[in-house]
Amino acid sequence: MTNAPDGGAPKNAGVIAPPPLMLLAALLAGFGLDHVQPLGVLDEAPQSARWIAGGVLIGFALAINFQGFFRFQRAGTPVRPWMGTKKLVTDGVYAHVRNPMYLGMALIAFGLGAIFAGDWLVICGALFWLALHYGVVRREESYLEKLFGEEYRQYKKRVPPYGWRF
């Protein structure tokens, strides 16, 4: 963990919206569309398989979300991306995934889609992930490069954004 230097970096990342609200919008849209115009694709999968797959996804999502959250808390840096970052966190789960909480949010949508046979939930989860990547993550990365410079660029080279190269 490295403290943010004082200087000319912007005060925050300038994200398009709070990620939890983006997730909520995706979930509401997915549940709504599944109610109004179900596609029925996931209905073909056995319910027990859907529940197991969805449970695993949600369990993994919660585990990495909590790890990411508590790493930020321990470092004393805000979790909210519209607030200024105080430290670069690169240990714990962040040694393997640059954006564990965002990955977790997307996995929650996919897990709920599996459990409820919500094809639209899965589609809206994927759209959420794209909006998150381009409207939040890319902006955060630019901000963190300005704030931490070469140290952040090296971190980006070492650690993939979602556990794999995207």
N, C-alpha and C. Protein backbone atom coordinates (compact mmCIF):
# COMPACT_ATOMS: atom_id res chain seq x y z
N MET A 1 0.84 -1.17 0.00
CA MET A 1 0.00 0.00 0.00
C MET A 1 0.88 1.24 0.00
N THR A 2 0.52 2.16 -0.86
CA THR A 2 1.28 3.39 -0.98
C THR A 2 0.35 4.57 -0.79
N ASN A 3 0.79 5.56 -0.05
CA ASN A 3 0.01 6.78 0.14
C ASN A 3 -0.05 7.57 -1.16
N ALA A 4 -1.16 8.25 -1.36
CA ALA A 4 -1.29 9.10 -2.53
C ALA A 4 -0.39 10.32 -2.36
N PRO A 5 0.35 10.66 -3.39
CA PRO A 5 1.18 11.86 -3.30
C PRO A 5 0.32 13.10 -3.39
N ASP A 6 0.80 14.17 -2.81
CA ASP A 6 0.13 15.45 -2.97
C ASP A 6 0.51 16.00 -4.33
N GLY A 7 -0.36 16.73 -4.95
CA GLY A 7 0.04 17.31 -6.22
C GLY A 7 -1.10 17.55 -7.17
N GLY A 8 -0.79 17.41 -8.47
CA GLY A 8 -1.69 17.84 -9.51
C GLY A 8 -2.73 16.86 -9.97
N ALA A 9 -2.90 15.73 -9.33
CA ALA A 9 -3.90 14.76 -9.77
C ALA A 9 -5.30 15.29 -9.47
N PRO A 10 -6.30 14.84 -10.27
CA PRO A 10 -7.69 15.24 -9.98
C PRO A 10 -8.10 14.77 -8.58
N LYS A 11 -9.16 15.36 -8.05
CA LYS A 11 -9.61 15.03 -6.70
C LYS A 11 -10.31 13.67 -6.62
N ASN A 12 -10.87 13.20 -7.74
CA ASN A 12 -11.52 11.88 -7.78
C ASN A 12 -11.52 11.37 -9.21
N ALA A 13 -12.05 10.15 -9.39
CA ALA A 13 -11.96 9.49 -10.69
C ALA A 13 -13.00 9.97 -11.69
N GLY A 14 -14.02 10.68 -11.25
CA GLY A 14 -15.04 11.17 -12.18
C GLY A 14 -15.87 10.07 -12.81
N VAL A 15 -16.27 9.08 -12.02
CA VAL A 15 -17.05 7.95 -12.54
C VAL A 15 -18.44 8.41 -12.96
N ILE A 16 -19.08 7.66 -13.87
CA ILE A 16 -20.37 8.08 -14.42
C ILE A 16 -21.51 7.97 -13.41
N ALA A 17 -21.40 7.03 -12.46
CA ALA A 17 -22.45 6.82 -11.46
C ALA A 17 -21.90 5.91 -10.38
N PRO A 18 -22.50 5.93 -9.20
CA PRO A 18 -22.07 4.99 -8.16
C PRO A 18 -22.32 3.55 -8.60
N PRO A 19 -21.30 2.69 -8.59
CA PRO A 19 -21.47 1.32 -9.04
C PRO A 19 -22.61 0.55 -8.37
N PRO A 20 -22.85 0.70 -7.05
CA PRO A 20 -23.99 -0.03 -6.49
C PRO A 20 -25.33 0.40 -7.11
N LEU A 21 -25.46 1.68 -7.44
CA LEU A 21 -26.70 2.13 -8.10
C LEU A 21 -26.79 1.59 -9.52
N MET A 22 -25.65 1.49 -10.18
CA MET A 22 -25.63 0.90 -11.52
C MET A 22 -26.07 -0.56 -11.45
N LEU A 23 -25.58 -1.29 -10.45
CA LEU A 23 -25.98 -2.69 -10.28
C LEU A 23 -27.47 -2.77 -9.98
N LEU A 24 -27.96 -1.93 -9.09
CA LEU A 24 -29.38 -1.94 -8.76
C LEU A 24 -30.23 -1.68 -10.00
N ALA A 25 -29.83 -0.73 -10.82
CA ALA A 25 -30.56 -0.44 -12.06
C ALA A 25 -30.56 -1.66 -12.98
N ALA A 26 -29.41 -2.33 -13.09
CA ALA A 26 -29.34 -3.53 -13.94
C ALA A 26 -30.23 -4.64 -13.40
N LEU A 27 -30.23 -4.82 -12.09
CA LEU A 27 -31.07 -5.87 -11.50
C LEU A 27 -32.56 -5.56 -11.68
N LEU A 28 -32.93 -4.31 -11.44
CA LEU A 28 -34.33 -3.93 -11.63
C LEU A 28 -34.76 -4.10 -13.08
N ALA A 29 -33.91 -3.67 -14.01
CA ALA A 29 -34.22 -3.84 -15.42
C ALA A 29 -34.33 -5.32 -15.78
N GLY A 30 -33.39 -6.12 -15.29
CA GLY A 30 -33.40 -7.55 -15.59
C GLY A 30 -34.63 -8.24 -15.04
N PHE A 31 -34.94 -8.00 -13.77
CA PHE A 31 -36.14 -8.61 -13.17
C PHE A 31 -37.40 -8.12 -13.89
N GLY A 32 -37.44 -6.83 -14.21
CA GLY A 32 -38.61 -6.28 -14.90
C GLY A 32 -38.80 -6.90 -16.28
N LEU A 33 -37.73 -6.96 -17.05
CA LEU A 33 -37.84 -7.56 -18.39
C LEU A 33 -38.16 -9.05 -18.32
N ASP A 34 -37.59 -9.75 -17.33
CA ASP A 34 -37.92 -11.17 -17.18
C ASP A 34 -39.39 -11.36 -16.82
N HIS A 35 -39.95 -10.42 -16.10
CA HIS A 35 -41.37 -10.50 -15.74
C HIS A 35 -42.27 -10.19 -16.93
N VAL A 36 -41.91 -9.15 -17.69
CA VAL A 36 -42.74 -8.69 -18.80
C VAL A 36 -42.59 -9.56 -20.05
N GLN A 37 -41.34 -9.91 -20.37
CA GLN A 37 -41.06 -10.65 -21.61
C GLN A 37 -39.99 -11.72 -21.36
N PRO A 38 -40.33 -12.79 -20.65
CA PRO A 38 -39.31 -13.81 -20.38
C PRO A 38 -38.84 -14.48 -21.67
N LEU A 39 -37.55 -14.78 -21.71
CA LEU A 39 -36.99 -15.45 -22.89
C LEU A 39 -37.05 -16.96 -22.76
N GLY A 40 -36.97 -17.47 -21.55
CA GLY A 40 -37.15 -18.90 -21.31
C GLY A 40 -35.95 -19.79 -21.57
N VAL A 41 -34.80 -19.22 -21.90
CA VAL A 41 -33.63 -20.04 -22.20
C VAL A 41 -33.13 -20.77 -20.96
N LEU A 42 -32.96 -20.03 -19.85
CA LEU A 42 -32.46 -20.65 -18.63
C LEU A 42 -33.49 -21.57 -17.97
N ASP A 43 -34.76 -21.43 -18.33
CA ASP A 43 -35.78 -22.34 -17.82
C ASP A 43 -35.51 -23.78 -18.22
N GLU A 44 -34.76 -23.96 -19.29
CA GLU A 44 -34.45 -25.31 -19.79
C GLU A 44 -33.46 -26.04 -18.90
N ALA A 45 -32.65 -25.31 -18.14
CA ALA A 45 -31.66 -25.93 -17.24
C ALA A 45 -32.36 -26.45 -15.99
N PRO A 46 -31.90 -27.58 -15.45
CA PRO A 46 -32.51 -28.10 -14.22
C PRO A 46 -32.40 -27.08 -13.08
N GLN A 47 -33.46 -26.97 -12.32
CA GLN A 47 -33.49 -25.99 -11.23
C GLN A 47 -32.35 -26.21 -10.25
N SER A 48 -32.05 -27.46 -9.91
CA SER A 48 -30.98 -27.72 -8.94
C SER A 48 -29.63 -27.24 -9.48
N ALA A 49 -29.38 -27.42 -10.75
CA ALA A 49 -28.12 -26.96 -11.35
C ALA A 49 -28.05 -25.45 -11.34
N ARG A 50 -29.18 -24.81 -11.64
CA ARG A 50 -29.21 -23.34 -11.61
C ARG A 50 -28.95 -22.81 -10.21
N TRP A 51 -29.55 -23.43 -9.21
CA TRP A 51 -29.37 -22.99 -7.83
C TRP A 51 -27.93 -23.20 -7.38
N ILE A 52 -27.34 -24.31 -7.75
CA ILE A 52 -25.95 -24.56 -7.36
C ILE A 52 -25.03 -23.55 -8.04
N ALA A 53 -25.18 -23.38 -9.36
CA ALA A 53 -24.33 -22.44 -10.10
C ALA A 53 -24.52 -21.02 -9.57
N GLY A 54 -25.76 -20.61 -9.38
CA GLY A 54 -26.03 -19.27 -8.87
C GLY A 54 -25.50 -19.08 -7.46
N GLY A 55 -25.66 -20.10 -6.63
CA GLY A 55 -25.14 -20.01 -5.25
C GLY A 55 -23.63 -19.89 -5.21
N VAL A 56 -22.96 -20.65 -6.07
CA VAL A 56 -21.49 -20.57 -6.13
C VAL A 56 -21.06 -19.19 -6.60
N LEU A 57 -21.70 -18.67 -7.63
CA LEU A 57 -21.36 -17.34 -8.14
C LEU A 57 -21.58 -16.26 -7.07
N ILE A 58 -22.71 -16.31 -6.40
CA ILE A 58 -23.01 -15.30 -5.38
C ILE A 58 -22.08 -15.47 -4.19
N GLY A 59 -21.81 -16.70 -3.78
CA GLY A 59 -20.88 -16.93 -2.67
C GLY A 59 -19.49 -16.38 -2.98
N PHE A 60 -18.99 -16.67 -4.19
CA PHE A 60 -17.69 -16.15 -4.60
C PHE A 60 -17.72 -14.63 -4.66
N ALA A 61 -18.82 -14.07 -5.19
CA ALA A 61 -18.96 -12.62 -5.30
C ALA A 61 -18.89 -11.96 -3.92
N LEU A 62 -19.62 -12.50 -2.97
CA LEU A 62 -19.62 -11.92 -1.63
C LEU A 62 -18.25 -12.04 -0.97
N ALA A 63 -17.59 -13.17 -1.18
CA ALA A 63 -16.26 -13.36 -0.57
C ALA A 63 -15.27 -12.33 -1.10
N ILE A 64 -15.22 -12.13 -2.42
CA ILE A 64 -14.24 -11.18 -2.94
C ILE A 64 -14.66 -9.74 -2.66
N ASN A 65 -15.98 -9.47 -2.62
CA ASN A 65 -16.42 -8.12 -2.26
C ASN A 65 -16.00 -7.77 -0.85
N PHE A 66 -16.22 -8.68 0.09
CA PHE A 66 -15.83 -8.41 1.48
C PHE A 66 -14.32 -8.26 1.62
N GLN A 67 -13.56 -9.11 0.93
CA GLN A 67 -12.10 -8.99 1.00
C GLN A 67 -11.65 -7.64 0.47
N GLY A 68 -12.19 -7.23 -0.67
CA GLY A 68 -11.82 -5.93 -1.24
C GLY A 68 -12.22 -4.79 -0.33
N PHE A 69 -13.42 -4.84 0.18
CA PHE A 69 -13.92 -3.79 1.06
C PHE A 69 -13.04 -3.65 2.30
N PHE A 70 -12.75 -4.78 2.95
CA PHE A 70 -11.97 -4.71 4.19
C PHE A 70 -10.51 -4.32 3.93
N ARG A 71 -9.96 -4.64 2.76
CA ARG A 71 -8.61 -4.17 2.43
C ARG A 71 -8.60 -2.65 2.34
N PHE A 72 -9.61 -2.08 1.70
CA PHE A 72 -9.72 -0.62 1.62
C PHE A 72 -9.88 -0.02 3.01
N GLN A 73 -10.74 -0.63 3.83
CA GLN A 73 -10.94 -0.13 5.19
C GLN A 73 -9.64 -0.14 5.98
N ARG A 74 -8.91 -1.25 5.89
CA ARG A 74 -7.65 -1.37 6.62
C ARG A 74 -6.64 -0.32 6.15
N ALA A 75 -6.65 -0.02 4.85
CA ALA A 75 -5.71 0.95 4.30
C ALA A 75 -6.13 2.39 4.60
N GLY A 76 -7.40 2.57 5.01
CA GLY A 76 -7.88 3.91 5.30
C GLY A 76 -8.18 4.72 4.06
N THR A 77 -8.53 4.03 2.99
CA THR A 77 -8.88 4.73 1.75
C THR A 77 -10.36 4.49 1.45
N PRO A 78 -11.06 5.48 0.90
CA PRO A 78 -12.50 5.33 0.67
C PRO A 78 -12.82 4.25 -0.36
N VAL A 79 -13.90 3.54 -0.11
CA VAL A 79 -14.39 2.54 -1.07
C VAL A 79 -15.14 3.24 -2.19
N ARG A 80 -15.78 4.34 -1.88
CA ARG A 80 -16.59 5.06 -2.87
C ARG A 80 -15.70 5.70 -3.93
N PRO A 81 -15.90 5.35 -5.21
CA PRO A 81 -15.00 5.84 -6.26
C PRO A 81 -15.13 7.33 -6.55
N TRP A 82 -16.16 7.97 -6.08
CA TRP A 82 -16.30 9.41 -6.31
C TRP A 82 -15.58 10.23 -5.23
N MET A 83 -15.00 9.52 -4.27
CA MET A 83 -14.18 10.19 -3.26
C MET A 83 -12.71 10.00 -3.64
N GLY A 84 -11.88 10.85 -3.17
CA GLY A 84 -10.46 10.77 -3.49
C GLY A 84 -9.78 9.55 -2.87
N THR A 85 -8.90 8.92 -3.63
CA THR A 85 -8.13 7.79 -3.14
C THR A 85 -6.99 8.28 -2.29
N LYS A 86 -6.75 7.60 -1.17
CA LYS A 86 -5.67 7.99 -0.28
C LYS A 86 -4.47 7.05 -0.38
N LYS A 87 -4.73 5.79 -0.74
CA LYS A 87 -3.65 4.81 -0.83
C LYS A 87 -3.91 3.86 -1.99
N LEU A 88 -2.83 3.38 -2.57
CA LEU A 88 -2.91 2.35 -3.59
C LEU A 88 -2.84 1.00 -2.87
N VAL A 89 -3.90 0.23 -2.97
CA VAL A 89 -3.98 -1.07 -2.29
C VAL A 89 -3.61 -2.15 -3.31
N THR A 90 -2.55 -2.90 -3.02
CA THR A 90 -2.06 -3.92 -3.97
C THR A 90 -1.86 -5.27 -3.30
N ASP A 91 -2.28 -5.42 -2.05
CA ASP A 91 -2.07 -6.69 -1.36
C ASP A 91 -3.41 -7.41 -1.18
N GLY A 92 -3.35 -8.60 -0.59
CA GLY A 92 -4.56 -9.38 -0.38
C GLY A 92 -5.18 -9.75 -1.73
N VAL A 93 -6.48 -9.61 -1.83
CA VAL A 93 -7.18 -9.96 -3.07
C VAL A 93 -6.72 -9.07 -4.22
N TYR A 94 -6.25 -7.85 -3.91
CA TYR A 94 -5.78 -6.93 -4.94
C TYR A 94 -4.45 -7.35 -5.55
N ALA A 95 -3.80 -8.34 -4.98
CA ALA A 95 -2.60 -8.89 -5.59
C ALA A 95 -2.95 -9.82 -6.76
N HIS A 96 -4.23 -10.18 -6.88
CA HIS A 96 -4.68 -11.12 -7.91
C HIS A 96 -5.70 -10.51 -8.87
N VAL A 97 -6.47 -9.54 -8.38
CA VAL A 97 -7.54 -8.92 -9.16
C VAL A 97 -7.55 -7.43 -8.84
N ARG A 98 -7.49 -6.58 -9.87
CA ARG A 98 -7.48 -5.13 -9.62
C ARG A 98 -8.85 -4.61 -9.19
N ASN A 99 -9.91 -5.27 -9.62
CA ASN A 99 -11.26 -4.77 -9.37
C ASN A 99 -12.16 -5.85 -8.76
N PRO A 100 -11.80 -6.38 -7.60
CA PRO A 100 -12.58 -7.49 -7.06
C PRO A 100 -14.02 -7.12 -6.72
N MET A 101 -14.24 -5.91 -6.23
CA MET A 101 -15.61 -5.55 -5.86
C MET A 101 -16.49 -5.40 -7.09
N TYR A 102 -15.94 -4.92 -8.18
CA TYR A 102 -16.72 -4.79 -9.40
C TYR A 102 -16.98 -6.16 -10.02
N LEU A 103 -15.99 -7.02 -9.98
CA LEU A 103 -16.19 -8.40 -10.43
C LEU A 103 -17.29 -9.04 -9.62
N GLY A 104 -17.25 -8.84 -8.30
CA GLY A 104 -18.27 -9.41 -7.43
C GLY A 104 -19.66 -8.91 -7.77
N MET A 105 -19.78 -7.62 -8.07
CA MET A 105 -21.09 -7.08 -8.41
C MET A 105 -21.66 -7.75 -9.66
N ALA A 106 -20.82 -7.91 -10.67
CA ALA A 106 -21.28 -8.56 -11.89
C ALA A 106 -21.67 -10.01 -11.62
N LEU A 107 -20.88 -10.70 -10.80
CA LEU A 107 -21.19 -12.10 -10.49
C LEU A 107 -22.49 -12.24 -9.72
N ILE A 108 -22.83 -11.23 -8.92
CA ILE A 108 -24.13 -11.26 -8.23
C ILE A 108 -25.26 -11.26 -9.25
N ALA A 109 -25.16 -10.40 -10.26
CA ALA A 109 -26.19 -10.35 -11.30
C ALA A 109 -26.28 -11.69 -12.04
N PHE A 110 -25.14 -12.26 -12.38
CA PHE A 110 -25.14 -13.54 -13.09
C PHE A 110 -25.68 -14.66 -12.20
N GLY A 111 -25.31 -14.64 -10.92
CA GLY A 111 -25.80 -15.65 -9.99
C GLY A 111 -27.31 -15.58 -9.81
N LEU A 112 -27.83 -14.36 -9.65
CA LEU A 112 -29.28 -14.20 -9.54
C LEU A 112 -29.97 -14.63 -10.82
N GLY A 113 -29.35 -14.33 -11.95
CA GLY A 113 -29.92 -14.77 -13.22
C GLY A 113 -30.01 -16.29 -13.29
N ALA A 114 -28.99 -16.98 -12.81
CA ALA A 114 -29.02 -18.44 -12.80
C ALA A 114 -30.09 -18.95 -11.86
N ILE A 115 -30.14 -18.44 -10.64
CA ILE A 115 -31.10 -18.92 -9.65
C ILE A 115 -32.55 -18.72 -10.11
N PHE A 116 -32.84 -17.55 -10.64
CA PHE A 116 -34.22 -17.22 -11.02
C PHE A 116 -34.52 -17.51 -12.49
N ALA A 117 -33.61 -18.19 -13.18
CA ALA A 117 -33.78 -18.46 -14.62
C ALA A 117 -34.07 -17.16 -15.35
N GLY A 118 -33.33 -16.13 -14.98
CA GLY A 118 -33.55 -14.80 -15.53
C GLY A 118 -32.59 -14.49 -16.67
N ASP A 119 -33.03 -14.81 -17.86
CA ASP A 119 -32.19 -14.53 -19.03
C ASP A 119 -31.87 -13.04 -19.13
N TRP A 120 -32.88 -12.20 -18.90
CA TRP A 120 -32.65 -10.77 -18.96
C TRP A 120 -31.74 -10.29 -17.84
N LEU A 121 -31.78 -10.97 -16.69
CA LEU A 121 -30.85 -10.62 -15.61
C LEU A 121 -29.41 -10.84 -16.07
N VAL A 122 -29.18 -11.93 -16.75
CA VAL A 122 -27.82 -12.21 -17.24
C VAL A 122 -27.42 -11.17 -18.29
N ILE A 123 -28.34 -10.86 -19.20
CA ILE A 123 -28.05 -9.86 -20.24
C ILE A 123 -27.79 -8.49 -19.60
N CYS A 124 -28.66 -8.10 -18.67
CA CYS A 124 -28.47 -6.80 -18.00
C CYS A 124 -27.20 -6.81 -17.14
N GLY A 125 -26.85 -7.97 -16.59
CA GLY A 125 -25.59 -8.09 -15.85
C GLY A 125 -24.40 -7.85 -16.76
N ALA A 126 -24.46 -8.39 -17.97
CA ALA A 126 -23.37 -8.18 -18.93
C ALA A 126 -23.30 -6.71 -19.36
N LEU A 127 -24.46 -6.11 -19.58
CA LEU A 127 -24.48 -4.68 -19.94
C LEU A 127 -23.98 -3.82 -18.79
N PHE A 128 -24.34 -4.20 -17.56
CA PHE A 128 -23.82 -3.52 -16.37
C PHE A 128 -22.30 -3.59 -16.35
N TRP A 129 -21.77 -4.78 -16.61
CA TRP A 129 -20.32 -4.96 -16.57
C TRP A 129 -19.64 -4.07 -17.61
N LEU A 130 -20.20 -4.01 -18.80
CA LEU A 130 -19.63 -3.14 -19.84
C LEU A 130 -19.69 -1.67 -19.42
N ALA A 131 -20.83 -1.25 -18.90
CA ALA A 131 -20.96 0.14 -18.45
C ALA A 131 -19.99 0.42 -17.31
N LEU A 132 -19.85 -0.54 -16.43
CA LEU A 132 -18.93 -0.40 -15.31
C LEU A 132 -17.48 -0.29 -15.81
N HIS A 133 -17.13 -1.15 -16.75
CA HIS A 133 -15.76 -1.14 -17.26
C HIS A 133 -15.43 0.19 -17.93
N TYR A 134 -16.32 0.65 -18.81
CA TYR A 134 -16.02 1.85 -19.57
C TYR A 134 -16.36 3.15 -18.83
N GLY A 135 -17.35 3.11 -17.95
CA GLY A 135 -17.77 4.33 -17.26
C GLY A 135 -17.18 4.51 -15.87
N VAL A 136 -16.60 3.44 -15.32
CA VAL A 136 -16.02 3.53 -13.98
C VAL A 136 -14.56 3.08 -13.99
N VAL A 137 -14.31 1.84 -14.36
CA VAL A 137 -12.96 1.27 -14.27
C VAL A 137 -11.96 2.06 -15.10
N ARG A 138 -12.28 2.32 -16.35
CA ARG A 138 -11.33 3.05 -17.21
C ARG A 138 -11.04 4.45 -16.64
N ARG A 139 -12.05 5.09 -16.10
CA ARG A 139 -11.86 6.42 -15.50
C ARG A 139 -11.01 6.32 -14.24
N GLU A 140 -11.28 5.28 -13.43
CA GLU A 140 -10.47 5.08 -12.23
C GLU A 140 -9.01 4.82 -12.59
N GLU A 141 -8.79 4.01 -13.62
CA GLU A 141 -7.42 3.70 -14.01
C GLU A 141 -6.67 4.94 -14.45
N SER A 142 -7.32 5.79 -15.21
CA SER A 142 -6.70 7.05 -15.64
C SER A 142 -6.37 7.92 -14.43
N TYR A 143 -7.31 8.01 -13.51
CA TYR A 143 -7.12 8.78 -12.28
C TYR A 143 -5.96 8.22 -11.46
N LEU A 144 -5.92 6.90 -11.29
CA LEU A 144 -4.87 6.28 -10.48
C LEU A 144 -3.50 6.42 -11.15
N GLU A 145 -3.45 6.40 -12.47
CA GLU A 145 -2.17 6.63 -13.16
C GLU A 145 -1.67 8.04 -12.90
N LYS A 146 -2.59 9.01 -12.91
CA LYS A 146 -2.18 10.39 -12.63
C LYS A 146 -1.75 10.54 -11.18
N LEU A 147 -2.41 9.81 -10.30
CA LEU A 147 -2.14 9.93 -8.87
C LEU A 147 -0.88 9.19 -8.44
N PHE A 148 -0.69 7.96 -8.96
CA PHE A 148 0.41 7.12 -8.50
C PHE A 148 1.48 6.87 -9.56
N GLY A 149 1.25 7.31 -10.78
CA GLY A 149 2.25 7.24 -11.83
C GLY A 149 2.75 5.84 -12.15
N GLU A 150 4.07 5.72 -12.21
CA GLU A 150 4.71 4.47 -12.63
C GLU A 150 4.35 3.30 -11.72
N GLU A 151 4.17 3.56 -10.45
CA GLU A 151 3.82 2.48 -9.53
C GLU A 151 2.49 1.82 -9.94
N TYR A 152 1.51 2.64 -10.33
CA TYR A 152 0.23 2.08 -10.76
C TYR A 152 0.37 1.39 -12.11
N ARG A 153 1.15 1.95 -13.02
CA ARG A 153 1.35 1.32 -14.32
C ARG A 153 1.99 -0.07 -14.16
N GLN A 154 2.92 -0.20 -13.25
CA GLN A 154 3.54 -1.50 -12.99
C GLN A 154 2.53 -2.48 -12.38
N TYR A 155 1.71 -1.97 -11.49
CA TYR A 155 0.65 -2.79 -10.88
C TYR A 155 -0.29 -3.29 -11.97
N LYS A 156 -0.68 -2.42 -12.90
CA LYS A 156 -1.56 -2.82 -14.01
C LYS A 156 -0.93 -3.92 -14.86
N LYS A 157 0.37 -3.86 -15.04
CA LYS A 157 1.06 -4.89 -15.82
C LYS A 157 1.04 -6.23 -15.10
N ARG A 158 1.14 -6.20 -13.78
CA ARG A 158 1.22 -7.43 -12.97
C ARG A 158 -0.14 -8.09 -12.73
N VAL A 159 -1.15 -7.27 -12.51
CA VAL A 159 -2.44 -7.79 -12.01
C VAL A 159 -3.54 -7.47 -13.02
N PRO A 160 -4.26 -8.50 -13.48
CA PRO A 160 -5.35 -8.26 -14.43
C PRO A 160 -6.56 -7.62 -13.74
N PRO A 161 -7.40 -6.93 -14.51
CA PRO A 161 -8.51 -6.20 -13.90
C PRO A 161 -9.57 -7.09 -13.24
N TYR A 162 -9.82 -8.26 -13.82
CA TYR A 162 -10.91 -9.11 -13.30
C TYR A 162 -10.45 -10.54 -13.04
N GLY A 163 -9.17 -10.72 -12.85
CA GLY A 163 -8.62 -12.07 -12.62
C GLY A 163 -8.09 -12.69 -13.89
N TRP A 164 -8.35 -12.08 -15.03
CA TRP A 164 -7.82 -12.51 -16.31
C TRP A 164 -7.67 -11.25 -17.17
N ARG A 165 -6.90 -11.35 -18.20
CA ARG A 165 -6.70 -10.20 -19.09
C ARG A 165 -7.96 -9.95 -19.89
N PHE A 166 -8.35 -8.69 -19.98
CA PHE A 166 -9.60 -8.30 -20.66
C PHE A 166 -9.27 -7.37 -21.80
